[in-house]
Amino acid sequence: MDGAPKVTDSMVKSDLHPPHSGPGSDPVLYGVAAGLAELFPPVTGHARAVHDRDPVETDEPERD
């Protein structure tokens, strides 16, 4: 062994090393996209459907 650090696949695809071809090849856009993805992660909540809401949560007046 020569003592040099081993370059892993994750290091090659890090924010400091954008891909050389494809949609992520522009380093400026790649950095902006990576920053936005970190600031605004995907929302994975459990939203209830509109018809499953409680009557109190609707905007319509209650009918008798």
PDB file of N, CA and C in Angstrom:
ATOM      1  N   MET A   1       0.836  -1.185   0.000  1.00  0.00           N
ATOM      2  CA  MET A   1       0.000   0.000   0.000  1.00  0.00           C
ATOM      3  C   MET A   1       0.876   1.241   0.000  1.00  0.00           C
ATOM      4  N   ASP A   2       0.434   2.250  -0.715  1.00  0.00           N
ATOM      5  CA  ASP A   2       1.246   3.454  -0.849  1.00  0.00           C
ATOM      6  C   ASP A   2       0.818   4.575   0.093  1.00  0.00           C
ATOM      7  N   GLY A   3      -0.229   4.377   0.890  1.00  0.00           N
ATOM      8  CA  GLY A   3      -0.659   5.382   1.850  1.00  0.00           C
ATOM      9  C   GLY A   3      -1.537   6.473   1.269  1.00  0.00           C
ATOM     10  N   ALA A   4      -1.811   6.436  -0.022  1.00  0.00           N
ATOM     11  CA  ALA A   4      -2.675   7.444  -0.647  1.00  0.00           C
ATOM     12  C   ALA A   4      -4.125   7.165  -0.272  1.00  0.00           C
ATOM     13  N   PRO A   5      -4.932   8.221  -0.078  1.00  0.00           N
ATOM     14  CA  PRO A   5      -6.342   7.996   0.259  1.00  0.00           C
ATOM     15  C   PRO A   5      -7.072   7.331  -0.900  1.00  0.00           C
ATOM     16  N   LYS A   6      -7.964   6.429  -0.566  1.00  0.00           N
ATOM     17  CA  LYS A   6      -8.736   5.717  -1.582  1.00  0.00           C
ATOM     18  C   LYS A   6      -9.913   6.591  -2.011  1.00  0.00           C
ATOM     19  N   VAL A   7     -10.073   6.772  -3.302  1.00  0.00           N
ATOM     20  CA  VAL A   7     -11.177   7.570  -3.831  1.00  0.00           C
ATOM     21  C   VAL A   7     -12.367   6.648  -4.014  1.00  0.00           C
ATOM     22  N   THR A   8     -13.449   6.957  -3.313  1.00  0.00           N
ATOM     23  CA  THR A   8     -14.652   6.138  -3.420  1.00  0.00           C
ATOM     24  C   THR A   8     -15.619   6.762  -4.412  1.00  0.00           C
ATOM     25  N   ASP A   9     -16.619   5.976  -4.795  1.00  0.00           N
ATOM     26  CA  ASP A   9     -17.621   6.444  -5.757  1.00  0.00           C
ATOM     27  C   ASP A   9     -18.389   7.641  -5.204  1.00  0.00           C
ATOM     28  N   SER A  10     -18.657   7.655  -3.892  1.00  0.00           N
ATOM     29  CA  SER A  10     -19.390   8.781  -3.312  1.00  0.00           C
ATOM     30  C   SER A  10     -18.561  10.063  -3.328  1.00  0.00           C
ATOM     31  N   MET A  11     -17.239   9.933  -3.247  1.00  0.00           N
ATOM     32  CA  MET A  11     -16.389  11.121  -3.309  1.00  0.00           C
ATOM     33  C   MET A  11     -16.405  11.722  -4.710  1.00  0.00           C
ATOM     34  N   VAL A  12     -16.470  10.871  -5.719  1.00  0.00           N
ATOM     35  CA  VAL A  12     -16.462  11.345  -7.099  1.00  0.00           C
ATOM     36  C   VAL A  12     -17.760  12.077  -7.413  1.00  0.00           C
ATOM     37  N   LYS A  13     -18.860  11.652  -6.805  1.00  0.00           N
ATOM     38  CA  LYS A  13     -20.161  12.254  -7.088  1.00  0.00           C
ATOM     39  C   LYS A  13     -20.579  13.254  -6.016  1.00  0.00           C
ATOM     40  N   SER A  14     -19.648  13.803  -5.282  1.00  0.00           N
ATOM     41  CA  SER A  14     -19.985  14.761  -4.236  1.00  0.00           C
ATOM     42  C   SER A  14     -20.268  16.129  -4.833  1.00  0.00           C
ATOM     43  N   ASP A  15     -20.679  17.067  -3.991  1.00  0.00           N
ATOM     44  CA  ASP A  15     -20.987  18.420  -4.447  1.00  0.00           C
ATOM     45  C   ASP A  15     -19.763  19.124  -5.031  1.00  0.00           C
ATOM     46  N   LEU A  16     -18.574  18.718  -4.619  1.00  0.00           N
ATOM     47  CA  LEU A  16     -17.362  19.348  -5.128  1.00  0.00           C
ATOM     48  C   LEU A  16     -16.958  18.812  -6.490  1.00  0.00           C
ATOM     49  N   HIS A  17     -17.506  17.677  -6.876  1.00  0.00           N
ATOM     50  CA  HIS A  17     -17.146  17.047  -8.146  1.00  0.00           C
ATOM     51  C   HIS A  17     -18.410  16.689  -8.921  1.00  0.00           C
ATOM     52  N   PRO A  18     -19.000  17.645  -9.643  1.00  0.00           N
ATOM     53  CA  PRO A  18     -20.214  17.323 -10.410  1.00  0.00           C
ATOM     54  C   PRO A  18     -19.897  16.358 -11.544  1.00  0.00           C
ATOM     55  N   PRO A  19     -20.906  15.654 -12.062  1.00  0.00           N
ATOM     56  CA  PRO A  19     -20.679  14.737 -13.178  1.00  0.00           C
ATOM     57  C   PRO A  19     -20.139  15.476 -14.397  1.00  0.00           C
ATOM     58  N   HIS A  20     -19.403  14.775 -15.253  1.00  0.00           N
ATOM     59  CA  HIS A  20     -18.799  15.400 -16.430  1.00  0.00           C
ATOM     60  C   HIS A  20     -19.754  15.483 -17.606  1.00  0.00           C
ATOM     61  N   SER A  21     -20.855  14.747 -17.583  1.00  0.00           N
ATOM     62  CA  SER A  21     -21.830  14.809 -18.664  1.00  0.00           C
ATOM     63  C   SER A  21     -23.223  14.629 -18.091  1.00  0.00           C
ATOM     64  N   GLY A  22     -24.216  15.016 -18.853  1.00  0.00           N
ATOM     65  CA  GLY A  22     -25.593  14.868 -18.418  1.00  0.00           C
ATOM     66  C   GLY A  22     -26.150  16.154 -17.847  1.00  0.00           C
ATOM     67  N   PRO A  23     -27.365  16.080 -17.273  1.00  0.00           N
ATOM     68  CA  PRO A  23     -28.028  17.299 -16.791  1.00  0.00           C
ATOM     69  C   PRO A  23     -27.329  17.967 -15.614  1.00  0.00           C
ATOM     70  N   GLY A  24     -26.518  17.241 -14.856  1.00  0.00           N
ATOM     71  CA  GLY A  24     -25.824  17.822 -13.713  1.00  0.00           C
ATOM     72  C   GLY A  24     -24.412  18.252 -14.018  1.00  0.00           C
ATOM     73  N   SER A  25     -24.061  18.373 -15.296  1.00  0.00           N
ATOM     74  CA  SER A  25     -22.668  18.655 -15.643  1.00  0.00           C
ATOM     75  C   SER A  25     -22.279  20.123 -15.495  1.00  0.00           C
ATOM     76  N   ASP A  26     -23.230  21.040 -15.451  1.00  0.00           N
ATOM     77  CA  ASP A  26     -22.924  22.461 -15.251  1.00  0.00           C
ATOM     78  C   ASP A  26     -22.629  22.672 -13.770  1.00  0.00           C
ATOM     79  N   PRO A  27     -21.394  23.047 -13.397  1.00  0.00           N
ATOM     80  CA  PRO A  27     -21.050  23.145 -11.975  1.00  0.00           C
ATOM     81  C   PRO A  27     -21.866  24.180 -11.215  1.00  0.00           C
ATOM     82  N   VAL A  28     -22.259  25.268 -11.868  1.00  0.00           N
ATOM     83  CA  VAL A  28     -23.049  26.293 -11.178  1.00  0.00           C
ATOM     84  C   VAL A  28     -24.446  25.761 -10.883  1.00  0.00           C
ATOM     85  N   LEU A  29     -25.099  25.212 -11.902  1.00  0.00           N
ATOM     86  CA  LEU A  29     -26.443  24.672 -11.695  1.00  0.00           C
ATOM     87  C   LEU A  29     -26.421  23.482 -10.747  1.00  0.00           C
ATOM     88  N   TYR A  30     -25.372  22.679 -10.817  1.00  0.00           N
ATOM     89  CA  TYR A  30     -25.233  21.533  -9.920  1.00  0.00           C
ATOM     90  C   TYR A  30     -25.149  22.012  -8.470  1.00  0.00           C
ATOM     91  N   GLY A  31     -24.368  23.052  -8.228  1.00  0.00           N
ATOM     92  CA  GLY A  31     -24.242  23.590  -6.875  1.00  0.00           C
ATOM     93  C   GLY A  31     -25.528  24.209  -6.377  1.00  0.00           C
ATOM     94  N   VAL A  32     -26.221  24.930  -7.255  1.00  0.00           N
ATOM     95  CA  VAL A  32     -27.502  25.540  -6.877  1.00  0.00           C
ATOM     96  C   VAL A  32     -28.512  24.447  -6.552  1.00  0.00           C
ATOM     97  N   ALA A  33     -28.589  23.427  -7.398  1.00  0.00           N
ATOM     98  CA  ALA A  33     -29.536  22.337  -7.162  1.00  0.00           C
ATOM     99  C   ALA A  33     -29.214  21.594  -5.872  1.00  0.00           C
ATOM    100  N   ALA A  34     -27.940  21.368  -5.603  1.00  0.00           N
ATOM    101  CA  ALA A  34     -27.545  20.678  -4.372  1.00  0.00           C
ATOM    102  C   ALA A  34     -27.898  21.520  -3.148  1.00  0.00           C
ATOM    103  N   GLY A  35     -27.691  22.836  -3.238  1.00  0.00           N
ATOM    104  CA  GLY A  35     -28.034  23.720  -2.123  1.00  0.00           C
ATOM    105  C   GLY A  35     -29.525  23.777  -1.875  1.00  0.00           C
ATOM    106  N   LEU A  36     -30.310  23.860  -2.951  1.00  0.00           N
ATOM    107  CA  LEU A  36     -31.764  23.890  -2.806  1.00  0.00           C
ATOM    108  C   LEU A  36     -32.291  22.568  -2.254  1.00  0.00           C
ATOM    109  N   ALA A  37     -31.712  21.464  -2.686  1.00  0.00           N
ATOM    110  CA  ALA A  37     -32.142  20.163  -2.180  1.00  0.00           C
ATOM    111  C   ALA A  37     -31.853  20.032  -0.689  1.00  0.00           C
ATOM    112  N   GLU A  38     -30.776  20.648  -0.231  1.00  0.00           N
ATOM    113  CA  GLU A  38     -30.449  20.596   1.196  1.00  0.00           C
ATOM    114  C   GLU A  38     -31.369  21.515   2.002  1.00  0.00           C
ATOM    115  N   LEU A  39     -31.682  22.693   1.444  1.00  0.00           N
ATOM    116  CA  LEU A  39     -32.545  23.636   2.152  1.00  0.00           C
ATOM    117  C   LEU A  39     -34.005  23.204   2.160  1.00  0.00           C
ATOM    118  N   PHE A  40     -34.449  22.622   1.060  1.00  0.00           N
ATOM    119  CA  PHE A  40     -35.851  22.249   0.907  1.00  0.00           C
ATOM    120  C   PHE A  40     -35.959  20.766   0.560  1.00  0.00           C
ATOM    121  N   PRO A  41     -35.834  19.894   1.558  1.00  0.00           N
ATOM    122  CA  PRO A  41     -35.935  18.458   1.271  1.00  0.00           C
ATOM    123  C   PRO A  41     -37.356  18.099   0.839  1.00  0.00           C
ATOM    124  N   PRO A  42     -37.532  16.988   0.139  1.00  0.00           N
ATOM    125  CA  PRO A  42     -38.871  16.587  -0.296  1.00  0.00           C
ATOM    126  C   PRO A  42     -39.797  16.369   0.892  1.00  0.00           C
ATOM    127  N   VAL A  43     -41.050  16.742   0.726  1.00  0.00           N
ATOM    128  CA  VAL A  43     -42.048  16.565   1.778  1.00  0.00           C
ATOM    129  C   VAL A  43     -42.620  15.162   1.654  1.00  0.00           C
ATOM    130  N   THR A  44     -42.555  14.408   2.731  1.00  0.00           N
ATOM    131  CA  THR A  44     -43.068  13.042   2.716  1.00  0.00           C
ATOM    132  C   THR A  44     -44.058  12.842   3.846  1.00  0.00           C
ATOM    133  N   GLY A  45     -44.984  13.777   3.996  1.00  0.00           N
ATOM    134  CA  GLY A  45     -45.977  13.684   5.056  1.00  0.00           C
ATOM    135  C   GLY A  45     -47.152  12.825   4.637  1.00  0.00           C
ATOM    136  N   HIS A  46     -47.978  12.496   5.591  1.00  0.00           N
ATOM    137  CA  HIS A  46     -49.177  11.712   5.326  1.00  0.00           C
ATOM    138  C   HIS A  46     -50.368  12.661   5.298  1.00  0.00           C
ATOM    139  N   ALA A  47     -50.682  13.165   4.136  1.00  0.00           N
ATOM    140  CA  ALA A  47     -51.804  14.086   3.994  1.00  0.00           C
ATOM    141  C   ALA A  47     -53.096  13.294   3.888  1.00  0.00           C
ATOM    142  N   ARG A  48     -54.128  13.829   4.517  1.00  0.00           N
ATOM    143  CA  ARG A  48     -55.433  13.190   4.417  1.00  0.00           C
ATOM    144  C   ARG A  48     -56.158  13.737   3.200  1.00  0.00           C
ATOM    145  N   ALA A  49     -56.929  12.900   2.566  1.00  0.00           N
ATOM    146  CA  ALA A  49     -57.710  13.324   1.411  1.00  0.00           C
ATOM    147  C   ALA A  49     -58.776  14.317   1.852  1.00  0.00           C
ATOM    148  N   VAL A  50     -59.255  15.128   0.923  1.00  0.00           N
ATOM    149  CA  VAL A  50     -60.245  16.159   1.239  1.00  0.00           C
ATOM    150  C   VAL A  50     -61.512  15.532   1.796  1.00  0.00           C
ATOM    151  N   HIS A  51     -61.948  14.414   1.265  1.00  0.00           N
ATOM    152  CA  HIS A  51     -63.190  13.801   1.738  1.00  0.00           C
ATOM    153  C   HIS A  51     -63.021  13.106   3.088  1.00  0.00           C
ATOM    154  N   ASP A  52     -61.817  12.950   3.584  1.00  0.00           N
ATOM    155  CA  ASP A  52     -61.565  12.336   4.886  1.00  0.00           C
ATOM    156  C   ASP A  52     -61.441  13.360   6.015  1.00  0.00           C
ATOM    157  N   ARG A  53     -61.565  14.647   5.692  1.00  0.00           N
ATOM    158  CA  ARG A  53     -61.413  15.671   6.731  1.00  0.00           C
ATOM    159  C   ARG A  53     -62.612  15.681   7.669  1.00  0.00           C
ATOM    160  N   ASP A  54     -62.394  16.182   8.857  1.00  0.00           N
ATOM    161  CA  ASP A  54     -63.479  16.354   9.818  1.00  0.00           C
ATOM    162  C   ASP A  54     -64.375  17.488   9.355  1.00  0.00           C
ATOM    163  N   PRO A  55     -65.678  17.446   9.676  1.00  0.00           N
ATOM    164  CA  PRO A  55     -66.582  18.533   9.263  1.00  0.00           C
ATOM    165  C   PRO A  55     -66.155  19.892   9.811  1.00  0.00           C
ATOM    166  N   VAL A  56     -65.492  19.924  10.946  1.00  0.00           N
ATOM    167  CA  VAL A  56     -65.057  21.184  11.543  1.00  0.00           C
ATOM    168  C   VAL A  56     -64.006  21.858  10.663  1.00  0.00           C
ATOM    169  N   GLU A  57     -63.261  21.076   9.919  1.00  0.00           N
ATOM    170  CA  GLU A  57     -62.176  21.613   9.114  1.00  0.00           C
ATOM    171  C   GLU A  57     -62.630  22.166   7.766  1.00  0.00           C
ATOM    172  N   THR A  58     -63.900  22.023   7.413  1.00  0.00           N
ATOM    173  CA  THR A  58     -64.366  22.502   6.112  1.00  0.00           C
ATOM    174  C   THR A  58     -64.704  23.981   6.186  1.00  0.00           C
ATOM    175  N   ASP A  59     -64.735  24.608   5.032  1.00  0.00           N
ATOM    176  CA  ASP A  59     -65.079  26.023   4.954  1.00  0.00           C
ATOM    177  C   ASP A  59     -66.576  26.242   4.762  1.00  0.00           C
ATOM    178  N   GLU A  60     -67.334  25.169   4.536  1.00  0.00           N
ATOM    179  CA  GLU A  60     -68.764  25.298   4.294  1.00  0.00           C
ATOM    180  C   GLU A  60     -69.518  25.389   5.617  1.00  0.00           C
ATOM    181  N   PRO A  61     -70.622  26.158   5.631  1.00  0.00           N
ATOM    182  CA  PRO A  61     -71.436  26.215   6.859  1.00  0.00           C
ATOM    183  C   PRO A  61     -72.136  24.873   7.087  1.00  0.00           C
ATOM    184  N   GLU A  62     -72.379  24.568   8.368  1.00  0.00           N
ATOM    185  CA  GLU A  62     -73.028  23.305   8.707  1.00  0.00           C
ATOM    186  C   GLU A  62     -74.488  23.345   8.292  1.00  0.00           C
ATOM    187  N   ARG A  63     -74.967  22.252   7.694  1.00  0.00           N
ATOM    188  CA  ARG A  63     -76.360  22.183   7.241  1.00  0.00           C
ATOM    189  C   ARG A  63     -77.172  21.350   8.216  1.00  0.00           C
ATOM    190  N   ASP A  64     -78.434  21.763   8.435  1.00  0.00           N
ATOM    191  CA  ASP A  64     -79.333  21.016   9.338  1.00  0.00           C
ATOM    192  C   ASP A  64     -80.258  20.129   8.571  1.00  0.00           C
TER     193      ASP A  64
END
